[in-house]
């Protein structure tokens, strides 16, 4: 009887520990699609650098911290500074994929695939 009680107590404690475990934060993955009329140099999203993104090119995904940040780049031919801001968030643990599109007018759009 003591063994059964001990096992039940341990099982109950184990279940309590598992149920109180916090969810892992979301993983935010971002890629950049260039619709601008030329290549864009020094494309930076938040703390990460994507480098040069050619016209019509979509980059690979990179993991970006959740929250607010800026997007910037420089037109390869005209030297125009392009950019905008973002707010990446996920409502729960899991992976969230976003595409930042630099449009033909140089503005930034954020979409989910």
C-alpha atoms as a PDB file:
ATOM      1  CA  UNK A   1       0.000   0.000   0.000  1.00  0.00           C
ATOM      2  CA  UNK A   2       2.885   2.357   0.813  1.00  0.00           C
ATOM      3  CA  UNK A   3       4.483   1.663  -2.593  1.00  0.00           C
ATOM      4  CA  UNK A   4       1.269   2.469  -4.425  1.00  0.00           C
ATOM      5  CA  UNK A   5       0.862   5.712  -2.489  1.00  0.00           C
ATOM      6  CA  UNK A   6       4.483   6.701  -3.215  1.00  0.00           C
ATOM      7  CA  UNK A   7       4.081   6.005  -6.942  1.00  0.00           C
ATOM      8  CA  UNK A   8       0.841   7.971  -7.088  1.00  0.00           C
ATOM      9  CA  UNK A   9       2.442  10.888  -5.246  1.00  0.00           C
ATOM     10  CA  UNK A  10       5.432  10.902  -7.606  1.00  0.00           C
ATOM     11  CA  UNK A  11       3.163  10.680 -10.658  1.00  0.00           C
ATOM     12  CA  UNK A  12       1.099  13.616  -9.343  1.00  0.00           C
ATOM     13  CA  UNK A  13       4.204  15.732  -8.775  1.00  0.00           C
ATOM     14  CA  UNK A  14       5.488  14.865 -12.243  1.00  0.00           C
ATOM     15  CA  UNK A  15       2.189  15.931 -13.830  1.00  0.00           C
ATOM     16  CA  UNK A  16       2.218  19.206 -11.887  1.00  0.00           C
ATOM     17  CA  UNK A  17       5.731  20.024 -13.082  1.00  0.00           C
ATOM     18  CA  UNK A  18       4.824  19.265 -16.717  1.00  0.00           C
ATOM     19  CA  UNK A  19       1.606  21.285 -16.613  1.00  0.00           C
ATOM     20  CA  UNK A  20       3.406  24.340 -15.170  1.00  0.00           C
ATOM     21  CA  UNK A  21       6.098  24.323 -17.844  1.00  0.00           C
ATOM     22  CA  UNK A  22       6.017  27.552 -19.854  1.00  0.00           C
ATOM     23  CA  UNK A  23       5.663  27.452 -23.620  1.00  0.00           C
ATOM     24  CA  UNK A  24       8.756  28.144 -25.633  1.00  0.00           C
ATOM     25  CA  UNK A  25       8.772  31.569 -27.326  1.00  0.00           C
ATOM     26  CA  UNK A  26       7.775  31.695 -30.978  1.00  0.00           C
ATOM     27  CA  UNK A  27      10.434  31.384 -33.674  1.00  0.00           C
ATOM     28  CA  UNK A  28      10.144  34.193 -36.223  1.00  0.00           C
ATOM     29  CA  UNK A  29      11.597  33.442 -39.671  1.00  0.00           C
ATOM     30  CA  UNK A  30      11.890  36.233 -42.242  1.00  0.00           C
ATOM     31  CA  UNK A  31      12.861  36.432 -45.887  1.00  0.00           C
ATOM     32  CA  UNK A  32      13.133  39.438 -48.218  1.00  0.00           C
ATOM     33  CA  UNK A  33      11.579  39.713 -51.689  1.00  0.00           C
ATOM     34  CA  UNK A  34      12.840  42.512 -53.958  1.00  0.00           C
ATOM     35  CA  UNK A  35      10.244  44.022 -56.328  1.00  0.00           C
ATOM     36  CA  UNK A  36      12.275  47.234 -56.680  1.00  0.00           C
ATOM     37  CA  UNK A  37      13.566  48.248 -60.124  1.00  0.00           C
ATOM     38  CA  UNK A  38      17.162  47.330 -59.283  1.00  0.00           C
ATOM     39  CA  UNK A  39      19.277  45.344 -56.837  1.00  0.00           C
ATOM     40  CA  UNK A  40      19.246  46.510 -53.227  1.00  0.00           C
ATOM     41  CA  UNK A  41      22.541  46.552 -51.339  1.00  0.00           C
ATOM     42  CA  UNK A  42      23.079  46.213 -47.593  1.00  0.00           C
ATOM     43  CA  UNK A  43      19.608  44.866 -46.821  1.00  0.00           C
ATOM     44  CA  UNK A  44      19.264  44.769 -43.041  1.00  0.00           C
ATOM     45  CA  UNK A  45      16.281  43.446 -41.093  1.00  0.00           C
ATOM     46  CA  UNK A  46      16.532  44.121 -37.380  1.00  0.00           C
ATOM     47  CA  UNK A  47      19.924  42.866 -36.257  1.00  0.00           C
ATOM     48  CA  UNK A  48      20.493  40.612 -39.287  1.00  0.00           C
ATOM     49  CA  UNK A  49      22.081  41.444 -42.637  1.00  0.00           C
ATOM     50  CA  UNK A  50      20.794  39.827 -45.832  1.00  0.00           C
ATOM     51  CA  UNK A  51      23.414  41.538 -48.010  1.00  0.00           C
ATOM     52  CA  UNK A  52      22.523  42.336 -51.629  1.00  0.00           C
ATOM     53  CA  UNK A  53      19.112  41.228 -52.895  1.00  0.00           C
ATOM     54  CA  UNK A  54      18.845  41.313 -56.683  1.00  0.00           C
ATOM     55  CA  UNK A  55      15.739  42.513 -58.517  1.00  0.00           C
ATOM     56  CA  UNK A  56      13.080  39.772 -58.428  1.00  0.00           C
ATOM     57  CA  UNK A  57      15.052  37.677 -55.923  1.00  0.00           C
ATOM     58  CA  UNK A  58      13.700  36.183 -52.688  1.00  0.00           C
ATOM     59  CA  UNK A  59      16.229  35.411 -49.971  1.00  0.00           C
ATOM     60  CA  UNK A  60      16.345  32.374 -47.727  1.00  0.00           C
ATOM     61  CA  UNK A  61      14.672  32.573 -44.331  1.00  0.00           C
ATOM     62  CA  UNK A  62      16.620  33.935 -41.343  1.00  0.00           C
ATOM     63  CA  UNK A  63      15.541  33.801 -37.703  1.00  0.00           C
ATOM     64  CA  UNK A  64      14.775  37.292 -36.359  1.00  0.00           C
ATOM     65  CA  UNK A  65      13.958  38.254 -32.765  1.00  0.00           C
ATOM     66  CA  UNK A  66      10.286  38.822 -32.031  1.00  0.00           C
ATOM     67  CA  UNK A  67       9.205  42.452 -31.715  1.00  0.00           C
ATOM     68  CA  UNK A  68       9.640  45.791 -33.467  1.00  0.00           C
ATOM     69  CA  UNK A  69      12.499  46.647 -35.774  1.00  0.00           C
ATOM     70  CA  UNK A  70      13.618  48.364 -38.945  1.00  0.00           C
ATOM     71  CA  UNK A  71      14.251  47.281 -42.524  1.00  0.00           C
ATOM     72  CA  UNK A  72      16.777  49.166 -44.628  1.00  0.00           C
ATOM     73  CA  UNK A  73      18.677  48.917 -47.881  1.00  0.00           C
ATOM     74  CA  UNK A  74      20.324  51.053 -50.554  1.00  0.00           C
ATOM     75  CA  UNK A  75      19.428  51.011 -54.245  1.00  0.00           C
ATOM     76  CA  UNK A  76      22.444  49.673 -56.145  1.00  0.00           C
ATOM     77  CA  UNK A  77      22.144  52.120 -59.081  1.00  0.00           C
ATOM     78  CA  UNK A  78      20.270  55.146 -57.785  1.00  0.00           C
ATOM     79  CA  UNK A  79      21.677  55.108 -54.227  1.00  0.00           C
ATOM     80  CA  UNK A  80      18.225  55.709 -52.725  1.00  0.00           C
ATOM     81  CA  UNK A  81      17.796  54.655 -49.123  1.00  0.00           C
ATOM     82  CA  UNK A  82      14.849  52.276 -48.824  1.00  0.00           C
ATOM     83  CA  UNK A  83      13.208  51.046 -45.692  1.00  0.00           C
ATOM     84  CA  UNK A  84      10.445  50.774 -43.222  1.00  0.00           C
ATOM     85  CA  UNK A  85       9.626  49.074 -39.967  1.00  0.00           C
ATOM     86  CA  UNK A  86       8.036  45.843 -38.794  1.00  0.00           C
ATOM     87  CA  UNK A  87       6.416  44.179 -35.830  1.00  0.00           C
ATOM     88  CA  UNK A  88       6.957  40.425 -35.801  1.00  0.00           C
ATOM     89  CA  UNK A  89       5.025  38.422 -33.274  1.00  0.00           C
ATOM     90  CA  UNK A  90       3.608  34.974 -32.740  1.00  0.00           C
ATOM     91  CA  UNK A  91       0.738  34.225 -30.410  1.00  0.00           C
ATOM     92  CA  UNK A  92       2.239  31.004 -29.081  1.00  0.00           C
ATOM     93  CA  UNK A  93       5.214  28.725 -29.425  1.00  0.00           C
ATOM     94  CA  UNK A  94       5.892  27.491 -32.919  1.00  0.00           C
ATOM     95  CA  UNK A  95       7.472  28.800 -36.106  1.00  0.00           C
ATOM     96  CA  UNK A  96       6.085  31.815 -37.946  1.00  0.00           C
ATOM     97  CA  UNK A  97       7.212  32.675 -41.486  1.00  0.00           C
ATOM     98  CA  UNK A  98       7.078  36.244 -42.803  1.00  0.00           C
ATOM     99  CA  UNK A  99       8.040  37.773 -46.144  1.00  0.00           C
ATOM    100  CA  UNK A 100       9.181  41.376 -46.331  1.00  0.00           C
ATOM    101  CA  UNK A 101       8.538  42.742 -49.817  1.00  0.00           C
ATOM    102  CA  UNK A 102      10.395  45.841 -50.924  1.00  0.00           C
ATOM    103  CA  UNK A 103       7.945  47.149 -53.519  1.00  0.00           C
ATOM    104  CA  UNK A 104       8.575  48.900 -56.829  1.00  0.00           C
ATOM    105  CA  UNK A 105       8.093  52.250 -55.041  1.00  0.00           C
ATOM    106  CA  UNK A 106      10.620  51.355 -52.314  1.00  0.00           C
ATOM    107  CA  UNK A 107       8.096  50.821 -49.544  1.00  0.00           C
ATOM    108  CA  UNK A 108       8.052  47.786 -47.267  1.00  0.00           C
ATOM    109  CA  UNK A 109       5.155  45.320 -47.053  1.00  0.00           C
ATOM    110  CA  UNK A 110       4.945  42.437 -44.606  1.00  0.00           C
ATOM    111  CA  UNK A 111       3.101  39.258 -45.541  1.00  0.00           C
ATOM    112  CA  UNK A 112       2.788  35.693 -44.356  1.00  0.00           C
ATOM    113  CA  UNK A 113       3.111  32.989 -47.004  1.00  0.00           C
END
